[in-house]
C-alpha atoms as a PDB file:
ATOM      1  CA  MET A   1     156.154  60.991 157.903  1.00  0.00           C
ATOM      2  CA  GLU A   2     158.107  60.842 154.646  1.00  0.00           C
ATOM      3  CA  HIS A   3     157.654  62.544 151.605  1.00  0.00           C
ATOM      4  CA  SER A   4     157.566  59.584 148.330  1.00  0.00           C
ATOM      5  CA  PRO A   5     157.784  60.522 145.075  1.00  0.00           C
ATOM      6  CA  GLY A   6     153.829  60.623 144.222  1.00  0.00           C
ATOM      7  CA  ASP A   7     153.481  63.312 146.604  1.00  0.00           C
ATOM      8  CA  THR A   8     152.709  66.812 144.820  1.00  0.00           C
ATOM      9  CA  GLY A   9     152.869  69.140 147.336  1.00  0.00           C
ATOM     10  CA  PRO A  10     156.098  70.426 148.734  1.00  0.00           C
ATOM     11  CA  PRO A  11     158.135  68.430 150.670  1.00  0.00           C
ATOM     12  CA  PRO A  12     157.838  68.208 154.407  1.00  0.00           C
ATOM     13  CA  ARG A  13     160.723  71.079 156.300  1.00  0.00           C
ATOM     14  CA  ARG A  14     163.695  68.300 157.677  1.00  0.00           C
ATOM     15  CA  GLY A  15     163.928  70.926 160.700  1.00  0.00           C
ATOM     16  CA  PRO A  16     163.669  74.679 162.031  1.00  0.00           C
ATOM     17  CA  SER A  17     165.884  76.886 160.510  1.00  0.00           C
ATOM     18  CA  VAL A  18     164.739  80.432 162.104  1.00  0.00           C
ATOM     19  CA  ASP A  19     164.192  81.311 165.381  1.00  0.00           C
ATOM     20  CA  LEU A  20     160.066  80.672 165.799  1.00  0.00           C
ATOM     21  CA  ASP A  21     160.424  82.604 168.732  1.00  0.00           C
ATOM     22  CA  PRO A  22     161.851  86.726 167.446  1.00  0.00           C
ATOM     23  CA  ALA A  23     160.108  88.705 168.712  1.00  0.00           C
ATOM     24  CA  GLY A  24     159.623  87.248 172.262  1.00  0.00           C
ATOM     25  CA  ILE A  25     156.358  86.523 172.159  1.00  0.00           C
ATOM     26  CA  VAL A  26     155.906  83.138 173.794  1.00  0.00           C
ATOM     27  CA  THR A  27     159.962  83.162 175.797  1.00  0.00           C
ATOM     28  CA  ALA A  28     159.334  86.735 176.845  1.00  0.00           C
ATOM     29  CA  LYS A  29     162.399  88.112 175.846  1.00  0.00           C
ATOM     30  CA  ALA A  30     163.696  90.624 174.631  1.00  0.00           C
ATOM     31  CA  PRO A  31     163.352  91.728 170.759  1.00  0.00           C
ATOM     32  CA  ASP A  32     166.420  92.475 168.860  1.00  0.00           C
ATOM     33  CA  ARG A  33     167.283  96.477 168.881  1.00  0.00           C
ATOM     34  CA  GLN A  34     171.254  95.930 167.916  1.00  0.00           C
ATOM     35  CA  ARG A  35     172.216  99.322 165.876  1.00  0.00           C
ATOM     36  CA  ARG A  36     173.299  98.429 163.280  1.00  0.00           C
ATOM     37  CA  GLN A  37     174.695 100.187 159.682  1.00  0.00           C
ATOM     38  CA  PHE A  38     172.192 100.593 157.023  1.00  0.00           C
ATOM     39  CA  LEU A  39     173.990 100.717 153.088  1.00  0.00           C
ATOM     40  CA  ASN A  40     172.240 102.549 150.300  1.00  0.00           C
ATOM     41  CA  TYR A  41     173.875 102.414 146.566  1.00  0.00           C
ATOM     42  CA  SER A  42     172.661 104.966 144.603  1.00  0.00           C
ATOM     43  CA  PHE A  43     173.694 104.851 140.936  1.00  0.00           C
ATOM     44  CA  TYR A  44     173.035 107.945 138.798  1.00  0.00           C
ATOM     45  CA  ARG A  45     172.483 108.988 135.407  1.00  0.00           C
ATOM     46  CA  LEU A  46     173.398 112.382 134.320  1.00  0.00           C
ATOM     47  CA  ASP A  47     171.192 114.343 131.632  1.00  0.00           C
ATOM     48  CA  PRO A  48     173.671 114.841 127.986  1.00  0.00           C
ATOM     49  CA  MET A  49     172.036 118.169 128.062  1.00  0.00           C
ATOM     50  CA  PHE A  50     174.065 119.441 131.063  1.00  0.00           C
ATOM     51  CA  ARG A  51     176.928 119.167 127.942  1.00  0.00           C
ATOM     52  CA  ARG A  52     175.408 121.345 125.880  1.00  0.00           C
ATOM     53  CA  LEU A  53     175.123 123.881 129.046  1.00  0.00           C
ATOM     54  CA  PRO A  54     177.685 127.479 128.472  1.00  0.00           C
ATOM     55  CA  ALA A  55     180.970 126.319 129.845  1.00  0.00           C
ATOM     56  CA  ASP A  56     180.627 128.871 133.391  1.00  0.00           C
ATOM     57  CA  GLU A  57     177.088 127.302 134.393  1.00  0.00           C
ATOM     58  CA  ARG A  58     177.999 124.011 133.932  1.00  0.00           C
ATOM     59  CA  ARG A  59     181.532 125.075 136.214  1.00  0.00           C
ATOM     60  CA  ALA A  60     179.182 126.766 138.586  1.00  0.00           C
ATOM     61  CA  ALA A  61     176.599 123.715 139.437  1.00  0.00           C
ATOM     62  CA  GLY A  62     180.283 120.859 139.720  1.00  0.00           C
ATOM     63  CA  THR A  63     181.505 123.519 141.990  1.00  0.00           C
ATOM     64  CA  GLU A  64     178.394 123.357 144.057  1.00  0.00           C
ATOM     65  CA  PHE A  65     178.527 119.624 143.882  1.00  0.00           C
ATOM     66  CA  ILE A  66     181.678 118.833 144.694  1.00  0.00           C
ATOM     67  CA  GLU A  67     180.964 121.230 148.028  1.00  0.00           C
ATOM     68  CA  LEU A  68     178.167 119.344 148.199  1.00  0.00           C
ATOM     69  CA  VAL A  69     179.336 116.073 148.590  1.00  0.00           C
ATOM     70  CA  ARG A  70     182.625 117.219 150.439  1.00  0.00           C
ATOM     71  CA  LYS A  71     180.609 118.546 153.152  1.00  0.00           C
ATOM     72  CA  TRP A  72     178.658 115.050 153.671  1.00  0.00           C
ATOM     73  CA  GLU A  73     181.467 112.829 153.184  1.00  0.00           C
ATOM     74  CA  SER A  74     182.621 114.849 156.690  1.00  0.00           C
ATOM     75  CA  SER A  75     179.695 114.331 158.582  1.00  0.00           C
ATOM     76  CA  GLU A  76     179.721 112.533 161.145  1.00  0.00           C
ATOM     77  CA  ASP A  77     176.639 110.454 160.409  1.00  0.00           C
ATOM     78  CA  LEU A  78     177.266 109.375 157.492  1.00  0.00           C
ATOM     79  CA  ILE A  79     180.119 107.093 155.112  1.00  0.00           C
ATOM     80  CA  LEU A  80     180.424 108.496 152.021  1.00  0.00           C
ATOM     81  CA  ARG A  81     182.554 107.121 149.198  1.00  0.00           C
ATOM     82  CA  THR A  82     181.943 107.727 145.695  1.00  0.00           C
ATOM     83  CA  TYR A  83     183.033 105.577 142.681  1.00  0.00           C
ATOM     84  CA  SER A  84     182.516 106.718 138.801  1.00  0.00           C
ATOM     85  CA  LEU A  85     181.023 104.392 135.796  1.00  0.00           C
ATOM     86  CA  VAL A  86     182.101 106.262 133.116  1.00  0.00           C
ATOM     87  CA  GLY A  87     183.030 103.916 129.947  1.00  0.00           C
ATOM     88  CA  LEU A  88     182.237 100.848 132.006  1.00  0.00           C
ATOM     89  CA  ARG A  89     178.504 100.757 132.025  1.00  0.00           C
ATOM     90  CA  ALA A  90     176.151 102.659 129.737  1.00  0.00           C
ATOM     91  CA  GLY A  91     172.905 104.394 131.169  1.00  0.00           C
ATOM     92  CA  VAL A  92     175.374 104.713 134.799  1.00  0.00           C
ATOM     93  CA  ASP A  93     177.646 107.447 135.096  1.00  0.00           C
ATOM     94  CA  PHE A  94     178.500 107.778 139.061  1.00  0.00           C
ATOM     95  CA  MET A  95     177.409 105.822 142.153  1.00  0.00           C
ATOM     96  CA  LEU A  96     178.056 106.629 145.965  1.00  0.00           C
ATOM     97  CA  TRP A  97     178.081 104.204 148.793  1.00  0.00           C
ATOM     98  CA  GLN A  98     176.302 105.151 152.007  1.00  0.00           C
ATOM     99  CA  ILE A  99     176.396 103.742 155.150  1.00  0.00           C
ATOM    100  CA  ALA A 100     175.148 105.013 158.493  1.00  0.00           C
ATOM    101  CA  PHE A 101     173.013 104.246 161.301  1.00  0.00           C
ATOM    102  CA  ASP A 102     169.815 106.096 160.244  1.00  0.00           C
ATOM    103  CA  PRO A 103     168.555 105.292 157.029  1.00  0.00           C
ATOM    104  CA  LEU A 104     167.095 108.438 156.917  1.00  0.00           C
ATOM    105  CA  CYS A 105     170.272 110.390 156.553  1.00  0.00           C
ATOM    106  CA  PHE A 106     170.146 108.657 152.718  1.00  0.00           C
ATOM    107  CA  GLN A 107     167.101 110.678 152.334  1.00  0.00           C
ATOM    108  CA  SER A 108     168.177 113.699 153.748  1.00  0.00           C
ATOM    109  CA  MET A 109     171.598 113.439 151.127  1.00  0.00           C
ATOM    110  CA  GLU A 110     169.315 113.028 148.329  1.00  0.00           C
ATOM    111  CA  ALA A 111     166.810 115.520 149.110  1.00  0.00           C
ATOM    112  CA  THR A 112     169.890 118.020 149.130  1.00  0.00           C
ATOM    113  CA  ILE A 113     171.183 116.189 145.821  1.00  0.00           C
ATOM    114  CA  ARG A 114     167.029 117.125 143.932  1.00  0.00           C
ATOM    115  CA  ARG A 115     167.315 121.071 145.417  1.00  0.00           C
ATOM    116  CA  SER A 116     171.137 121.791 143.763  1.00  0.00           C
ATOM    117  CA  GLN A 117     171.882 122.408 140.124  1.00  0.00           C
ATOM    118  CA  LEU A 118     173.386 119.635 138.952  1.00  0.00           C
ATOM    119  CA  GLY A 119     170.617 117.753 140.806  1.00  0.00           C
ATOM    120  CA  GLY A 120     168.129 119.280 138.443  1.00  0.00           C
ATOM    121  CA  TYR A 121     169.935 116.744 135.169  1.00  0.00           C
ATOM    122  CA  LEU A 122     170.392 113.849 137.253  1.00  0.00           C
ATOM    123  CA  SER A 123     168.275 110.583 137.603  1.00  0.00           C
ATOM    124  CA  GLN A 124     169.040 108.260 140.229  1.00  0.00           C
ATOM    125  CA  VAL A 125     168.437 104.871 138.016  1.00  0.00           C
ATOM    126  CA  TYR A 126     169.065 102.675 140.520  1.00  0.00           C
ATOM    127  CA  SER A 127     168.675 102.450 144.465  1.00  0.00           C
ATOM    128  CA  PHE A 128     169.411  99.748 146.276  1.00  0.00           C
ATOM    129  CA  LEU A 129     169.007  99.578 150.013  1.00  0.00           C
ATOM    130  CA  SER A 130     170.692  96.887 152.654  1.00  0.00           C
ATOM    131  CA  LEU A 131     171.410  95.896 156.209  1.00  0.00           C
ATOM    132  CA  GLN A 132     174.819  95.125 157.966  1.00  0.00           C
ATOM    133  CA  ARG A 133     175.128  92.081 160.018  1.00  0.00           C
ATOM    134  CA  ARG A 134     176.872  89.122 160.689  1.00  0.00           C
ATOM    135  CA  SER A 135     176.476  86.427 158.585  1.00  0.00           C
ATOM    136  CA  GLN A 136     174.793  83.081 159.948  1.00  0.00           C
ATOM    137  CA  TYR A 137     177.316  81.302 158.304  1.00  0.00           C
ATOM    138  CA  VAL A 138     180.634  82.092 158.773  1.00  0.00           C
ATOM    139  CA  ASN A 139     179.828  82.587 162.077  1.00  0.00           C
ATOM    140  CA  ARG A 140     181.446  79.649 163.592  1.00  0.00           C
ATOM    141  CA  LEU A 141     184.830  79.540 161.633  1.00  0.00           C
ATOM    142  CA  LYS A 142     187.583  81.168 163.426  1.00  0.00           C
ATOM    143  CA  GLY A 143     188.052  84.902 163.297  1.00  0.00           C
ATOM    144  CA  ALA A 144     185.271  85.160 160.752  1.00  0.00           C
ATOM    145  CA  GLY A 145     182.365  87.474 161.013  1.00  0.00           C
ATOM    146  CA  GLU A 146     183.831  88.786 164.909  1.00  0.00           C
ATOM    147  CA  GLY A 147     182.973  92.173 163.932  1.00  0.00           C
ATOM    148  CA  VAL A 148     179.490  94.026 162.189  1.00  0.00           C
ATOM    149  CA  GLU A 149     180.510  97.645 161.125  1.00  0.00           C
ATOM    150  CA  LEU A 150     181.755  98.121 157.892  1.00  0.00           C
ATOM    151  CA  LEU A 151     184.918  99.895 156.667  1.00  0.00           C
ATOM    152  CA  PRO A 152     184.116 100.189 152.643  1.00  0.00           C
ATOM    153  CA  GLY A 153     186.150 101.246 149.688  1.00  0.00           C
ATOM    154  CA  GLN A 154     189.259  99.538 149.897  1.00  0.00           C
ATOM    155  CA  GLY A 155     190.108  98.618 146.812  1.00  0.00           C
ATOM    156  CA  LYS A 156     190.554 100.144 143.714  1.00  0.00           C
ATOM    157  CA  PHE A 157     187.709  98.885 142.431  1.00  0.00           C
ATOM    158  CA  LEU A 158     184.196  97.888 143.595  1.00  0.00           C
ATOM    159  CA  PHE A 159     182.192  95.554 142.073  1.00  0.00           C
ATOM    160  CA  VAL A 160     178.197  95.432 143.214  1.00  0.00           C
ATOM    161  CA  TYR A 161     175.345  93.599 142.573  1.00  0.00           C
ATOM    162  CA  PRO A 162     172.075  92.983 144.417  1.00  0.00           C
ATOM    163  CA  PHE A 163     171.295  88.811 145.321  1.00  0.00           C
ATOM    164  CA  THR A 164     168.465  86.738 146.381  1.00  0.00           C
ATOM    165  CA  LYS A 165     168.307  83.060 146.460  1.00  0.00           C
ATOM    166  CA  THR A 166     165.281  80.404 145.555  1.00  0.00           C
ATOM    167  CA  ARG A 167     162.618  79.693 147.239  1.00  0.00           C
ATOM    168  CA  SER A 168     163.622  76.246 147.385  1.00  0.00           C
ATOM    169  CA  TRP A 169     167.169  77.693 149.328  1.00  0.00           C
ATOM    170  CA  TYR A 170     165.194  78.497 152.213  1.00  0.00           C
ATOM    171  CA  ARG A 171     163.112  75.072 152.384  1.00  0.00           C
ATOM    172  CA  LEU A 172     166.610  72.886 152.995  1.00  0.00           C
ATOM    173  CA  SER A 173     167.674  71.881 156.652  1.00  0.00           C
ATOM    174  CA  PRO A 174     170.286  74.218 158.094  1.00  0.00           C
ATOM    175  CA  HIS A 175     172.987  71.470 157.746  1.00  0.00           C
ATOM    176  CA  ALA A 176     172.605  71.673 154.079  1.00  0.00           C
ATOM    177  CA  ARG A 177     173.023  74.646 153.339  1.00  0.00           C
ATOM    178  CA  GLN A 178     175.501  75.003 155.487  1.00  0.00           C
ATOM    179  CA  GLY A 179     177.286  72.112 153.327  1.00  0.00           C
ATOM    180  CA  MET A 180     176.988  74.099 150.447  1.00  0.00           C
ATOM    181  CA  MET A 181     178.696  77.823 151.900  1.00  0.00           C
ATOM    182  CA  ASP A 182     180.996  75.757 153.950  1.00  0.00           C
ATOM    183  CA  GLU A 183     182.217  74.795 150.086  1.00  0.00           C
ATOM    184  CA  HIS A 184     181.600  78.071 148.492  1.00  0.00           C
ATOM    185  CA  ILE A 185     183.356  79.530 151.500  1.00  0.00           C
ATOM    186  CA  ALA A 186     186.232  77.119 149.960  1.00  0.00           C
ATOM    187  CA  ALA A 187     186.477  77.917 147.009  1.00  0.00           C
ATOM    188  CA  SER A 188     186.806  81.819 147.784  1.00  0.00           C
ATOM    189  CA  ALA A 189     189.915  81.331 149.858  1.00  0.00           C
ATOM    190  CA  PRO A 190     192.364  81.460 147.497  1.00  0.00           C
ATOM    191  CA  PHE A 191     191.229  84.838 145.980  1.00  0.00           C
ATOM    192  CA  LYS A 192     193.436  86.598 148.523  1.00  0.00           C
ATOM    193  CA  GLY A 193     193.114  90.241 146.438  1.00  0.00           C
ATOM    194  CA  VAL A 194     188.973  90.533 146.819  1.00  0.00           C
ATOM    195  CA  SER A 195     187.016  91.242 150.063  1.00  0.00           C
ATOM    196  CA  LEU A 196     183.954  91.093 150.284  1.00  0.00           C
ATOM    197  CA  ASN A 197     181.233  92.994 152.027  1.00  0.00           C
ATOM    198  CA  SER A 198     177.526  91.191 152.109  1.00  0.00           C
ATOM    199  CA  SER A 199     174.313  93.136 153.806  1.00  0.00           C
ATOM    200  CA  TYR A 200     170.452  91.813 154.080  1.00  0.00           C
ATOM    201  CA  SER A 201     167.704  93.294 152.039  1.00  0.00           C
ATOM    202  CA  TYR A 202     164.901  90.919 153.580  1.00  0.00           C
ATOM    203  CA  GLY A 203     161.910  93.344 153.877  1.00  0.00           C
ATOM    204  CA  ILE A 204     163.323  97.046 152.741  1.00  0.00           C
ATOM    205  CA  ASP A 205     164.250  96.030 149.198  1.00  0.00           C
ATOM    206  CA  ASP A 206     163.566  94.206 146.177  1.00  0.00           C
ATOM    207  CA  GLN A 207     166.672  91.948 146.683  1.00  0.00           C
ATOM    208  CA  ASP A 208     167.719  89.808 149.342  1.00  0.00           C
ATOM    209  CA  PHE A 209     170.798  90.793 149.955  1.00  0.00           C
ATOM    210  CA  VAL A 210     173.617  93.273 148.139  1.00  0.00           C
ATOM    211  CA  VAL A 211     176.739  92.010 147.731  1.00  0.00           C
ATOM    212  CA  ALA A 212     179.432  94.442 147.131  1.00  0.00           C
ATOM    213  CA  PHE A 213     182.967  93.195 146.260  1.00  0.00           C
ATOM    214  CA  ASP A 214     186.234  95.139 147.175  1.00  0.00           C
ATOM    215  CA  SER A 215     189.411  94.887 144.848  1.00  0.00           C
ATOM    216  CA  ASP A 216     192.377  96.608 142.588  1.00  0.00           C
ATOM    217  CA  TYR A 217     192.437  93.590 140.771  1.00  0.00           C
ATOM    218  CA  PRO A 218     189.153  92.976 138.184  1.00  0.00           C
ATOM    219  CA  GLN A 219     190.884  90.098 136.917  1.00  0.00           C
ATOM    220  CA  GLU A 220     191.024  88.111 139.666  1.00  0.00           C
ATOM    221  CA  PHE A 221     186.942  88.933 140.384  1.00  0.00           C
ATOM    222  CA  VAL A 222     186.269  88.099 137.290  1.00  0.00           C
ATOM    223  CA  ASP A 223     188.198  84.445 138.151  1.00  0.00           C
ATOM    224  CA  LEU A 224     186.344  83.770 141.240  1.00  0.00           C
ATOM    225  CA  VAL A 225     183.049  84.259 140.098  1.00  0.00           C
ATOM    226  CA  GLY A 226     183.477  82.088 137.190  1.00  0.00           C
ATOM    227  CA  ARG A 227     184.271  79.103 140.013  1.00  0.00           C
ATOM    228  CA  LEU A 228     181.345  80.085 142.268  1.00  0.00           C
ATOM    229  CA  ARG A 229     180.178  79.047 139.382  1.00  0.00           C
ATOM    230  CA  TYR A 230     180.821  76.121 139.457  1.00  0.00           C
ATOM    231  CA  THR A 231     179.445  75.821 143.165  1.00  0.00           C
ATOM    232  CA  GLU A 232     176.109  73.872 144.689  1.00  0.00           C
ATOM    233  CA  ALA A 233     174.974  76.624 146.400  1.00  0.00           C
ATOM    234  CA  SER A 234     175.215  78.530 142.823  1.00  0.00           C
ATOM    235  CA  LEU A 235     172.330  76.071 141.653  1.00  0.00           C
ATOM    236  CA  TYR A 236     169.625  78.245 144.465  1.00  0.00           C
ATOM    237  CA  THR A 237     170.284  81.657 142.415  1.00  0.00           C
ATOM    238  CA  GLU A 238     167.005  83.600 141.788  1.00  0.00           C
ATOM    239  CA  ARG A 239     168.660  86.715 140.032  1.00  0.00           C
ATOM    240  CA  ASP A 240     171.766  88.401 141.083  1.00  0.00           C
ATOM    241  CA  THR A 241     171.845  90.904 137.972  1.00  0.00           C
ATOM    242  CA  PRO A 242     172.736  93.966 137.340  1.00  0.00           C
ATOM    243  CA  MET A 243     176.743  93.857 137.493  1.00  0.00           C
ATOM    244  CA  PHE A 244     178.139  97.182 138.256  1.00  0.00           C
ATOM    245  CA  THR A 245     182.274  97.276 137.874  1.00  0.00           C
ATOM    246  CA  CYS A 246     182.762 100.667 139.763  1.00  0.00           C
ATOM    247  CA  ALA A 247     186.166 102.826 140.053  1.00  0.00           C
ATOM    248  CA  LYS A 248     186.393 104.638 142.872  1.00  0.00           C
ATOM    249  CA  ALA A 249     187.232 108.483 142.370  1.00  0.00           C
ATOM    250  CA  PRO A 250     187.167 111.324 144.103  1.00  0.00           C
ATOM    251  CA  ILE A 251     183.748 113.863 143.272  1.00  0.00           C
ATOM    252  CA  ASP A 252     185.622 116.519 141.612  1.00  0.00           C
ATOM    253  CA  ALA A 253     187.184 114.151 139.602  1.00  0.00           C
ATOM    254  CA  ILE A 254     184.270 112.453 138.524  1.00  0.00           C
ATOM    255  CA  VAL A 255     182.134 116.114 138.407  1.00  0.00           C
ATOM    256  CA  ALA A 256     185.009 116.584 136.264  1.00  0.00           C
ATOM    257  CA  GLN A 257     184.599 113.792 133.999  1.00  0.00           C
ATOM    258  CA  LEU A 258     180.345 114.185 133.762  1.00  0.00           C
ATOM    259  CA  ALA A 259     180.683 118.256 133.126  1.00  0.00           C
ATOM    260  CA  ASN A 260     183.536 118.465 130.604  1.00  0.00           C
ATOM    261  CA  MET A 261     185.827 120.395 133.769  1.00  0.00           C
ATOM    262  CA  ASP A 262     189.156 120.525 133.812  1.00  0.00           C
END
């Protein structure tokens, strides 16, 4: 049945776009139990009161925090990258990018942070949770989507933001979406100095995705995002803020920025 211009309801679906039996209720197939990496992007702000403490108290708290983070960096259960946002965005001072097969690792690390001296002055102002998996749009391209394990933090900068598509995007046919994503991928291709880490948040956080771009060249990233604004797929963006520019830095350098420590 065709959708006439006078109809007031939503247009009919143009074909199935998802697995209609993901749990195997009808076909008795096994549900997906693949072991995949979870990601957490945690952004922190330091209370200005901390910088007014005596120097020896700041130093002790800073030293404890450095040891805490380094211990987690050496953990076999967690991949951890540290970034400074001092001077790059108001209201946020640093970011911890954590990757683990068990999301409870994020909870354990956050509990440790809150028990520390410096943790008493830290506020977790943003936290984005997501899951790594193959993209349905690039798997058919040669050499794309072959692996699902993530090795993050290769660039000097990481550009992070939550991303949500409009509901009308999900009503498009797979063919229509694929065509727009092919254009999107082709528009991105010339920007060789920018690497995309895209992960999925359906059902576990407010956004649909978290996107994180690794690069040594902020100017190239600006040009890339500007070019993507002209693609058809951008019409279906509901939300892609707040955006964060994160500068990769070791934890001792970050603490020195925050705590006025040499």
